[in-house]
Amino acid sequence: MNVEQLYTGCLSQGAYYIESNGEVAILDPLRETKPYLDRAKRDNASVKYIFETHFHADFVSGHLSLSEATGAPIVYGPNANPSFDAIIAEDGQEFKVGELTLKVLHTPGHTLESTTYLLRDANGKDYCIFSGDTLFLGDVGRPDLAQKGADMTQEDLAGILYDSLRNKIMPLADDVIVYPAHGAGSACGKNMMKETVDTLGNQKKMNYALREDMTKAEFIAEVTDGLLPPPSYFPLNVKMNKEGYDNITDVLERGTKKLSPKEFEALANATGAVVLDVRHQKDFMEAHIPQSIFIGIDGGFAPWVGAMIADVEQPILLITPEGREQETVTRLSRVGFDKTLGFLEGGIKAWKDAGKETDRMQSVSAETLKSQLPNNVPVFDVRKDGEFENAHIPTAKHTSLEFINQHLDTFPSDEPFYVHCAGGYRSVIASSILKARGIHNVIDVAGGFKAIKEAGIAVTSSSCASS
């Protein structure tokens, strides 16, 4: 028996590869199929089933491309209604993979089709569960993504989730291993642990949502408390997972087209494409194409693209580090951004050599900011709510990066102002968006809040944040 977790850090996502006696099952695969096909080839095995725990909102699964490549059927739990051929399993239905058995445990609540798969070994012993977004480590899936207007509220779904956990998962033995679909950093939950594997027994002890004496009313209140609005690209990813999408090969071929500066500029003007610069923030600050957006490939790239660009139908043109064009297009496709039209061959150097205009971003050290604070200069903190509440500059205004597009009118248009995050990545994203919207009097604070504390700037904490 071989059970392998394939964890993708930038998405905080776990896919799973199971092999026994030459048969393979894949659970919640990413968009690109090669890693799974390579593993099956390594094991001289064939993919028998592709299991999906639910219609994912935060990434586009590779179920369709993988099924097309292998001929393996796609399996969903009850209540799923995809637009393509799939096995819609019944609660309790079992599937054989070599000497192993995967049993369907319908666990609605995060979504109505959410399903946990219980893996039993060759002796019939419960070995692990693949819990999808039903049970995370330290948390459970948010119950607000599958609301049906007034007919199905997040409180209704939370109550259903309470029953699923207590009737289907908590009765399992403590030594059963929990393999969730996500870990810390995912927007599908609130308080996930950094670990990606645990035992059910330990989760029963420390996961607030699995308290034995917890009432349904208490569960509903705690699970729905503090939920931020989901990223706007989530429903678009659900639609793609449910209805279908372009083959990843076609997406890569289209997105990695080489463009000269002249072709790049003409295509940008003709299509209204967003120019997305994924280089390191320092390179972007030194020189970039005017009105381009920075989201660095070496940060939390794909989720930030989803949050900041939002519309998966938006055409995109790329500025990338040399040799990372295919990686960038692949990672965009993981969150449904398939409309990449190509990349600037030769990068910013080629753009400059062609006599094209560039822009740059002003940046100062935390020490310089410290010297300016007595003058009551405007400071904007674009970290998340919890980070701001924990500690911040007393005079700073708070506008979390993911909601910056909704608060553009809060930034001064007639005087310089400073923007910072925790370490310097998110503040450059924020500053690039502000500049693209015509707000050019923004100054980035290099090194972010870490540098601010090291510079000895006084900070305070608060019980709530303002936008």
Protein backbone atom coordinates (compact mmCIF):
# COMPACT_ATOMS: atom_id res chain seq x y z
CA MET A 1 0.00 0.00 0.00
CA ASN A 2 1.29 3.43 -0.95
CA VAL A 3 -0.52 6.56 0.24
CA GLU A 4 1.24 9.77 -0.79
CA GLN A 5 0.26 13.34 0.00
CA LEU A 6 1.18 15.77 -2.80
CA TYR A 7 1.09 19.12 -1.04
CA THR A 8 1.26 22.43 -2.90
CA GLY A 9 2.33 25.16 -0.48
CA CYS A 10 1.26 28.24 -2.43
CA LEU A 11 -2.32 26.92 -2.54
CA SER A 12 -2.16 25.18 0.87
CA GLN A 13 -3.67 22.22 -0.99
CA GLY A 14 -3.25 18.47 -0.56
CA ALA A 15 -3.86 16.01 -3.40
CA TYR A 16 -3.45 12.29 -2.78
CA TYR A 17 -2.01 9.32 -4.65
CA ILE A 18 -2.99 5.81 -3.55
CA GLU A 19 -1.48 2.68 -5.11
CA SER A 20 -2.05 -1.03 -4.46
CA ASN A 21 -1.24 -4.00 -6.69
CA GLY A 22 -0.84 -1.90 -9.79
CA GLU A 23 -4.04 0.10 -9.34
CA VAL A 24 -4.10 3.80 -8.50
CA ALA A 25 -6.65 6.22 -7.11
CA ILE A 26 -6.10 9.98 -7.22
CA LEU A 27 -7.98 12.32 -4.89
CA ASP A 28 -8.50 16.05 -5.53
CA PRO A 29 -5.78 16.40 -8.19
CA LEU A 30 -4.34 19.73 -9.27
CA ARG A 31 -4.81 21.03 -12.80
CA GLU A 32 -1.60 19.63 -14.24
CA THR A 33 -1.69 15.85 -14.78
CA LYS A 34 2.00 15.03 -15.22
CA PRO A 35 2.90 14.48 -11.53
CA TYR A 36 0.21 11.81 -11.18
CA LEU A 37 0.94 10.14 -14.50
CA ASP A 38 4.66 10.05 -13.68
CA ARG A 39 4.00 8.38 -10.32
CA ALA A 40 1.76 5.76 -11.87
CA LYS A 41 4.39 5.05 -14.51
CA ARG A 42 7.03 4.75 -11.76
CA ASP A 43 4.89 2.15 -10.00
CA ASN A 44 4.03 0.35 -13.25
CA ALA A 45 0.41 1.02 -12.36
CA SER A 46 -2.71 2.41 -13.98
CA VAL A 47 -5.14 5.02 -12.67
CA LYS A 48 -8.43 3.29 -11.85
CA TYR A 49 -10.42 6.10 -10.19
CA ILE A 50 -10.29 9.86 -9.73
CA PHE A 51 -12.11 10.87 -6.53
CA GLU A 52 -13.35 14.38 -5.82
CA THR A 53 -14.36 15.38 -2.30
CA HIS A 54 -16.53 18.26 -3.58
CA PHE A 55 -16.66 21.03 -6.18
CA HIS A 56 -13.61 23.03 -5.13
CA ALA A 57 -13.85 26.82 -4.93
CA ASP A 58 -10.23 27.84 -4.35
CA PHE A 59 -8.60 25.94 -7.22
CA VAL A 60 -9.45 24.22 -10.48
CA SER A 61 -9.07 20.49 -10.10
CA GLY A 62 -7.40 18.30 -12.71
CA HIS A 63 -10.14 15.67 -12.71
CA LEU A 64 -11.25 16.20 -16.32
CA SER A 65 -7.78 16.30 -17.89
CA LEU A 66 -6.66 13.32 -15.81
CA SER A 67 -9.73 11.32 -16.79
CA GLU A 68 -9.16 12.19 -20.44
CA ALA A 69 -5.52 11.09 -20.19
CA THR A 70 -6.18 7.81 -18.38
CA GLY A 71 -9.76 6.77 -19.12
CA ALA A 72 -10.39 6.55 -15.38
CA PRO A 73 -13.88 7.55 -14.19
CA ILE A 74 -14.43 10.55 -11.93
CA VAL A 75 -16.22 9.81 -8.66
CA TYR A 76 -18.26 12.29 -6.59
CA GLY A 77 -20.40 11.73 -3.54
CA PRO A 78 -24.18 12.14 -3.31
CA ASN A 79 -25.84 15.39 -4.47
CA ALA A 80 -23.15 16.19 -7.05
CA ASN A 81 -24.53 17.18 -10.45
CA PRO A 82 -21.61 17.85 -12.81
CA SER A 83 -22.08 18.67 -16.49
CA PHE A 84 -19.86 15.74 -17.51
CA ASP A 85 -19.96 11.98 -17.08
CA ALA A 86 -19.11 10.88 -13.55
CA ILE A 87 -19.99 8.22 -11.02
CA ILE A 88 -22.28 9.76 -8.42
CA ALA A 89 -21.69 7.40 -5.52
CA GLU A 90 -24.17 6.50 -2.82
CA ASP A 91 -23.43 7.01 0.86
CA GLY A 92 -21.62 3.89 2.05
CA GLN A 93 -20.66 2.71 -1.45
CA GLU A 94 -17.25 1.02 -1.67
CA PHE A 95 -14.60 1.08 -4.39
CA LYS A 96 -11.73 -1.41 -4.67
CA VAL A 97 -8.21 -0.23 -5.50
CA GLY A 98 -5.93 -3.25 -5.51
CA GLU A 99 -6.23 -4.78 -2.03
CA LEU A 100 -7.60 -1.55 -0.58
CA THR A 101 -11.14 -0.29 -0.17
CA LEU A 102 -12.37 3.30 -0.33
CA LYS A 103 -15.74 3.81 1.37
CA VAL A 104 -17.92 6.84 0.62
CA LEU A 105 -18.97 8.82 3.71
CA HIS A 106 -21.33 11.59 2.66
CA THR A 107 -20.43 14.53 4.91
CA PRO A 108 -22.35 17.61 3.71
CA GLY A 109 -22.03 21.00 5.37
CA HIS A 110 -19.14 22.74 3.69
CA THR A 111 -21.08 22.03 0.49
CA LEU A 112 -24.04 19.73 -0.03
CA GLU A 113 -22.04 17.20 -2.06
CA SER A 114 -19.03 17.20 0.30
CA THR A 115 -17.79 13.67 0.83
CA THR A 116 -15.12 12.05 2.99
CA TYR A 117 -13.44 8.87 1.73
CA LEU A 118 -12.49 6.23 4.31
CA LEU A 119 -9.55 4.04 3.25
CA ARG A 120 -9.41 0.47 4.59
CA ASP A 121 -6.31 -1.69 4.28
CA ALA A 122 -6.09 -5.23 2.89
CA ASN A 123 -7.30 -6.62 6.24
CA GLY A 124 -10.36 -4.36 6.30
CA LYS A 125 -8.98 -2.08 9.05
CA ASP A 126 -9.82 1.62 8.89
CA TYR A 127 -6.52 3.31 7.96
CA CYS A 128 -7.22 6.96 7.06
CA ILE A 129 -9.79 9.44 5.87
CA PHE A 130 -9.50 11.90 3.03
CA SER A 131 -11.68 14.58 4.55
CA GLY A 132 -11.66 17.23 1.83
CA ASP A 133 -12.94 20.51 3.26
CA THR A 134 -15.19 18.79 5.82
CA LEU A 135 -12.48 18.41 8.47
CA PHE A 136 -9.25 20.36 8.54
CA LEU A 137 -6.51 20.11 11.14
CA GLY A 138 -7.61 22.53 13.85
CA ASP A 139 -10.74 23.65 12.00
CA VAL A 140 -13.58 22.66 9.69
CA GLY A 141 -14.68 23.92 6.29
CA ARG A 142 -16.48 27.24 6.10
CA PRO A 143 -20.25 26.76 5.68
CA ASP A 144 -21.02 29.87 3.62
CA LEU A 145 -19.88 28.85 0.12
CA ALA A 146 -22.94 26.79 -0.85
CA GLN A 147 -25.73 29.03 0.39
CA LYS A 148 -28.89 29.00 -1.70
CA GLY A 149 -30.30 32.43 -0.84
CA ALA A 150 -32.97 32.38 1.82
CA ASP A 151 -33.53 28.64 1.28
CA MET A 152 -30.13 27.62 2.66
CA THR A 153 -28.25 29.90 5.06
CA GLN A 154 -24.72 29.47 6.39
CA GLU A 155 -26.29 28.59 9.74
CA ASP A 156 -28.29 25.80 8.05
CA LEU A 157 -25.14 24.44 6.45
CA ALA A 158 -23.21 24.69 9.72
CA GLY A 159 -25.90 22.61 11.42
CA ILE A 160 -25.63 19.99 8.67
CA LEU A 161 -21.84 19.99 9.08
CA TYR A 162 -22.24 19.42 12.83
CA ASP A 163 -24.28 16.29 12.13
CA SER A 164 -21.82 15.05 9.48
CA LEU A 165 -18.87 15.32 11.84
CA ARG A 166 -20.62 13.63 14.73
CA ASN A 167 -22.37 10.89 12.78
CA LYS A 168 -19.74 9.99 10.21
CA ILE A 169 -16.27 11.06 11.37
CA MET A 170 -16.09 11.27 15.16
CA PRO A 171 -17.22 7.64 15.68
CA LEU A 172 -14.10 6.43 13.81
CA ALA A 173 -11.14 5.12 15.82
CA ASP A 174 -8.58 7.53 17.25
CA ASP A 175 -5.70 5.98 15.28
CA VAL A 176 -7.32 6.79 11.92
CA ILE A 177 -5.11 9.25 10.01
CA VAL A 178 -6.67 12.51 8.79
CA TYR A 179 -5.63 13.74 5.36
CA PRO A 180 -7.38 17.10 4.69
CA ALA A 181 -7.63 18.99 1.41
CA HIS A 182 -6.07 22.15 2.86
CA GLY A 183 -3.74 23.50 5.53
CA ALA A 184 -2.88 26.85 7.05
CA GLY A 185 -3.20 29.74 4.62
CA SER A 186 -6.26 28.50 2.77
CA ALA A 187 -9.32 30.75 2.64
CA CYS A 188 -11.56 27.66 2.97
CA GLY A 189 -11.25 27.77 6.77
CA LYS A 190 -10.23 30.13 9.58
CA ASN A 191 -7.75 28.56 12.03
CA MET A 192 -5.98 25.68 10.34
CA MET A 193 -2.81 24.15 11.76
CA LYS A 194 0.46 24.37 9.87
CA GLU A 195 0.72 20.57 9.93
CA THR A 196 -0.86 18.67 7.04
CA VAL A 197 -1.34 15.20 8.59
CA ASP A 198 -2.65 14.17 12.02
CA THR A 199 -4.56 11.43 13.81
CA LEU A 200 -8.28 11.72 14.40
CA GLY A 201 -7.68 11.13 18.11
CA ASN A 202 -5.49 14.22 18.38
CA GLN A 203 -8.03 16.27 16.46
CA LYS A 204 -10.74 15.16 18.87
CA LYS A 205 -8.59 16.56 21.68
CA MET A 206 -7.56 19.91 20.19
CA ASN A 207 -9.94 20.84 17.33
CA TYR A 208 -12.53 23.23 18.77
CA ALA A 209 -15.18 21.93 16.36
CA LEU A 210 -14.87 18.34 17.63
CA ARG A 211 -15.50 19.04 21.33
CA GLU A 212 -17.48 16.13 22.68
CA ASP A 213 -19.75 18.31 24.84
CA MET A 214 -20.39 20.90 22.11
CA THR A 215 -24.03 21.59 21.32
CA LYS A 216 -25.22 22.20 17.78
CA ALA A 217 -26.04 25.81 18.66
CA GLU A 218 -22.52 26.35 20.03
CA PHE A 219 -21.01 24.76 16.92
CA ILE A 220 -23.03 26.97 14.58
CA ALA A 221 -22.06 30.10 16.49
CA GLU A 222 -18.35 29.29 16.59
CA VAL A 223 -18.01 28.05 13.02
CA THR A 224 -19.78 31.07 11.53
CA ASP A 225 -18.08 33.64 13.77
CA GLY A 226 -15.51 35.88 12.06
CA LEU A 227 -15.98 34.58 8.53
CA LEU A 228 -14.56 37.06 6.03
CA PRO A 229 -16.19 37.35 2.61
CA PRO A 230 -14.85 34.62 0.32
CA PRO A 231 -12.56 35.70 -2.53
CA SER A 232 -14.60 36.73 -5.55
CA TYR A 233 -12.98 34.12 -7.82
CA PHE A 234 -14.33 31.23 -5.71
CA PRO A 235 -17.70 30.83 -7.49
CA LEU A 236 -15.95 31.04 -10.87
CA ASN A 237 -13.68 28.13 -9.91
CA VAL A 238 -16.70 26.13 -8.72
CA LYS A 239 -18.33 26.71 -12.12
CA MET A 240 -15.23 25.48 -13.95
CA ASN A 241 -14.94 22.39 -11.74
CA LYS A 242 -18.61 21.61 -12.27
CA GLU A 243 -18.99 22.46 -15.96
CA GLY A 244 -15.53 21.92 -17.46
CA TYR A 245 -12.53 23.87 -18.75
CA ASP A 246 -9.84 23.96 -21.44
CA ASN A 247 -7.23 21.23 -21.55
CA ILE A 248 -4.08 22.27 -19.69
CA THR A 249 -1.98 21.56 -22.81
CA ASP A 250 -3.93 24.18 -24.78
CA VAL A 251 -3.68 26.67 -21.92
CA LEU A 252 0.10 26.25 -21.75
CA GLU A 253 0.55 26.53 -25.50
CA ARG A 254 -1.45 29.75 -25.63
CA GLY A 255 0.03 31.28 -22.50
CA THR A 256 3.68 30.69 -23.31
CA LYS A 257 3.62 32.46 -26.67
CA LYS A 258 6.69 34.69 -27.10
CA LEU A 259 5.87 38.32 -27.83
CA SER A 260 8.16 41.12 -28.99
CA PRO A 261 7.70 44.52 -27.30
CA LYS A 262 5.76 45.73 -30.35
CA GLU A 263 3.49 42.66 -30.35
CA PHE A 264 3.08 42.83 -26.57
CA GLU A 265 2.00 46.47 -26.64
CA ALA A 266 -0.35 45.97 -29.57
CA LEU A 267 -2.00 42.97 -27.91
CA ALA A 268 -2.39 44.85 -24.62
CA ASN A 269 -4.11 47.72 -26.40
CA ALA A 270 -6.32 45.47 -28.53
CA THR A 271 -7.52 43.14 -25.77
CA GLY A 272 -7.51 45.25 -22.61
CA ALA A 273 -5.29 42.61 -21.03
CA VAL A 274 -3.89 43.08 -17.55
CA VAL A 275 -0.11 43.25 -17.64
CA LEU A 276 0.94 41.00 -14.76
CA ASP A 277 4.55 41.29 -13.59
CA VAL A 278 5.63 38.28 -11.51
CA ARG A 279 9.29 39.14 -10.96
CA HIS A 280 10.74 39.87 -7.52
CA GLN A 281 9.31 43.01 -5.95
CA LYS A 282 12.70 44.74 -5.96
CA ASP A 283 12.98 44.28 -9.72
CA PHE A 284 9.45 45.55 -10.21
CA MET A 285 10.10 48.66 -8.11
CA GLU A 286 13.20 49.54 -10.11
CA ALA A 287 11.45 49.39 -13.49
CA HIS A 288 8.10 48.16 -14.77
CA ILE A 289 5.64 48.77 -17.58
CA PRO A 290 3.27 51.59 -16.61
CA GLN A 291 -0.05 50.39 -15.17
CA SER A 292 1.19 46.83 -14.77
CA ILE A 293 0.24 44.85 -11.67
CA PHE A 294 2.81 43.15 -9.47
CA ILE A 295 2.11 39.74 -7.93
CA GLY A 296 5.42 37.93 -7.46
CA ILE A 297 5.74 34.28 -8.43
CA ASP A 298 7.76 33.58 -5.28
CA GLY A 299 5.04 34.69 -2.86
CA GLY A 300 1.48 33.44 -2.34
CA PHE A 301 1.04 33.86 -6.05
CA ALA A 302 -2.08 32.07 -7.28
CA PRO A 303 -4.43 32.98 -4.39
CA TRP A 304 -3.39 36.64 -4.64
CA VAL A 305 -4.05 36.64 -8.38
CA GLY A 306 -7.48 35.22 -7.64
CA ALA A 307 -8.16 37.83 -4.98
CA MET A 308 -6.82 40.86 -6.84
CA ILE A 309 -7.74 40.17 -10.49
CA ALA A 310 -10.80 38.07 -9.60
CA ASP A 311 -12.32 37.60 -13.09
CA VAL A 312 -10.98 34.36 -14.59
CA GLU A 313 -12.05 35.57 -18.05
CA GLN A 314 -9.66 38.55 -17.83
CA PRO A 315 -6.95 38.37 -20.54
CA ILE A 316 -3.43 38.50 -19.06
CA LEU A 317 -0.03 39.35 -20.50
CA LEU A 318 3.04 38.31 -18.52
CA ILE A 319 6.37 39.73 -17.45
CA THR A 320 8.26 36.82 -15.89
CA PRO A 321 11.74 35.92 -14.68
CA GLU A 322 13.56 34.25 -17.56
CA GLY A 323 12.74 30.56 -17.84
CA ARG A 324 9.69 30.64 -15.57
CA GLU A 325 7.04 31.33 -18.18
CA GLN A 326 5.50 27.83 -18.16
CA GLU A 327 5.52 27.70 -14.36
CA THR A 328 3.66 31.01 -14.24
CA VAL A 329 1.00 29.92 -16.73
CA THR A 330 0.58 26.61 -14.90
CA ARG A 331 0.10 28.29 -11.55
CA LEU A 332 -2.39 30.76 -13.02
CA SER A 333 -4.38 27.86 -14.47
CA ARG A 334 -4.62 26.25 -11.04
CA VAL A 335 -7.01 29.02 -10.00
CA GLY A 336 -8.80 29.22 -13.33
CA PHE A 337 -6.93 32.03 -15.08
CA ASP A 338 -6.67 30.39 -18.50
CA LYS A 339 -6.71 33.53 -20.67
CA THR A 340 -2.97 34.22 -20.63
CA LEU A 341 -2.07 35.51 -24.09
CA GLY A 342 1.72 35.29 -23.94
CA PHE A 343 4.80 36.81 -22.33
CA LEU A 344 7.26 39.59 -23.14
CA GLU A 345 10.31 37.91 -24.64
CA GLY A 346 13.44 39.44 -23.18
CA GLY A 347 11.51 41.04 -20.34
CA ILE A 348 11.94 44.63 -19.21
CA LYS A 349 15.37 44.89 -20.86
CA ALA A 350 13.81 44.21 -24.26
CA TRP A 351 11.08 46.74 -23.46
CA LYS A 352 13.66 49.41 -22.62
CA ASP A 353 15.81 48.55 -25.64
CA ALA A 354 12.76 49.11 -27.83
CA GLY A 355 12.49 52.64 -26.44
CA LYS A 356 9.30 51.94 -24.51
CA GLU A 357 8.36 53.89 -21.39
CA THR A 358 8.88 52.44 -17.92
CA ASP A 359 7.76 53.47 -14.46
CA ARG A 360 9.29 52.90 -11.04
CA MET A 361 8.06 52.76 -7.47
CA GLN A 362 9.25 54.95 -4.63
CA SER A 363 10.43 53.12 -1.53
CA VAL A 364 11.89 54.24 1.80
CA SER A 365 13.41 52.50 4.79
CA ALA A 366 11.58 52.09 8.08
CA GLU A 367 14.10 54.53 9.57
CA THR A 368 12.99 57.19 7.07
CA LEU A 369 9.36 56.52 7.93
CA LYS A 370 10.21 56.90 11.62
CA SER A 371 11.65 60.35 10.97
CA GLN A 372 8.45 61.37 9.15
CA LEU A 373 5.88 60.11 11.66
CA PRO A 374 6.05 63.26 13.87
CA ASN A 375 4.78 65.16 10.81
CA ASN A 376 1.55 63.09 10.87
CA VAL A 377 2.19 61.55 7.48
CA PRO A 378 -0.54 59.14 6.31
CA VAL A 379 0.38 55.47 6.83
CA PHE A 380 -1.65 52.55 5.47
CA ASP A 381 -1.29 48.99 6.77
CA VAL A 382 -2.42 46.37 4.23
CA ARG A 383 -1.94 43.27 6.39
CA LYS A 384 -4.83 41.02 7.37
CA ASP A 385 -7.21 41.94 10.18
CA GLY A 386 -5.62 39.63 12.74
CA GLU A 387 -2.12 40.93 12.03
CA PHE A 388 -3.28 44.51 12.41
CA GLU A 389 -5.16 43.78 15.64
CA ASN A 390 -2.10 42.09 17.12
CA ALA A 391 0.16 45.13 16.64
CA HIS A 392 0.28 48.23 14.45
CA ILE A 393 1.50 51.80 14.22
CA PRO A 394 -1.03 53.79 16.32
CA THR A 395 -1.76 56.32 13.56
CA ALA A 396 -1.94 53.76 10.73
CA LYS A 397 -5.13 53.25 8.79
CA HIS A 398 -6.02 49.66 7.96
CA THR A 399 -7.10 48.41 4.54
CA SER A 400 -6.45 44.69 4.12
CA LEU A 401 -4.93 43.99 0.70
CA GLU A 402 -7.66 41.65 -0.50
CA PHE A 403 -10.23 44.45 -0.17
CA ILE A 404 -8.13 47.33 -1.46
CA ASN A 405 -10.11 47.66 -4.68
CA GLN A 406 -13.21 48.42 -2.62
CA HIS A 407 -11.46 51.19 -0.66
CA LEU A 408 -9.56 53.18 -3.30
CA ASP A 409 -11.27 56.40 -2.21
CA THR A 410 -9.65 56.17 1.24
CA PHE A 411 -6.17 56.84 -0.16
CA PRO A 412 -5.00 60.47 -0.50
CA SER A 413 -4.81 61.85 -4.01
CA ASP A 414 -3.02 65.10 -3.19
CA GLU A 415 -0.24 64.17 -0.75
CA PRO A 416 2.39 61.44 -0.34
CA PHE A 417 1.43 58.46 1.84
CA TYR A 418 3.18 55.30 3.02
CA VAL A 419 2.08 51.69 2.62
CA HIS A 420 3.44 48.65 4.43
CA CYS A 421 2.64 44.98 5.03
CA ALA A 422 4.50 42.38 7.09
CA GLY A 423 7.64 41.93 5.00
CA GLY A 424 7.36 43.88 1.75
CA TYR A 425 5.54 41.56 -0.66
CA ARG A 426 1.89 42.53 -0.19
CA SER A 427 2.63 46.25 0.07
CA VAL A 428 4.15 46.21 -3.42
CA ILE A 429 1.06 44.42 -4.74
CA ALA A 430 -1.05 47.14 -3.10
CA SER A 431 1.14 49.95 -4.42
CA SER A 432 1.09 48.56 -7.95
CA ILE A 433 -2.70 48.43 -7.91
CA LEU A 434 -2.92 51.99 -6.61
CA LYS A 435 -0.54 53.22 -9.31
CA ALA A 436 -2.50 51.33 -11.98
CA ARG A 437 -5.61 53.18 -10.74
CA GLY A 438 -3.85 56.54 -11.14
CA ILE A 439 -2.72 57.00 -7.52
CA HIS A 440 0.99 57.68 -7.94
CA ASN A 441 1.81 59.38 -4.64
CA VAL A 442 2.28 56.06 -2.86
CA ILE A 443 5.56 55.24 -1.06
CA ASP A 444 6.40 51.65 -0.10
CA VAL A 445 8.05 50.92 3.26
CA ALA A 446 10.83 48.43 2.56
CA GLY A 447 10.85 45.39 4.84
CA GLY A 448 7.34 46.02 6.14
CA PHE A 449 6.28 45.65 9.76
CA LYS A 450 9.32 43.57 10.61
CA ALA A 451 11.58 46.48 9.65
CA ILE A 452 9.25 48.91 11.43
CA LYS A 453 9.66 47.07 14.73
CA GLU A 454 13.42 46.77 14.22
CA ALA A 455 13.57 50.54 13.68
CA GLY A 456 12.04 51.05 17.12
CA ILE A 457 8.81 52.62 15.92
CA ALA A 458 6.21 52.44 18.67
CA VAL A 459 3.33 50.03 18.00
CA THR A 460 0.07 49.26 19.75
CA SER A 461 -2.64 46.59 19.61
CA SER A 462 -6.40 46.78 19.35
CA SER A 463 -9.39 44.49 19.73
CA CYS A 464 -10.80 45.46 16.36
CA ALA A 465 -9.63 46.79 13.03
CA SER A 466 -11.08 49.50 10.85
CA SER A 467 -11.19 49.61 7.08
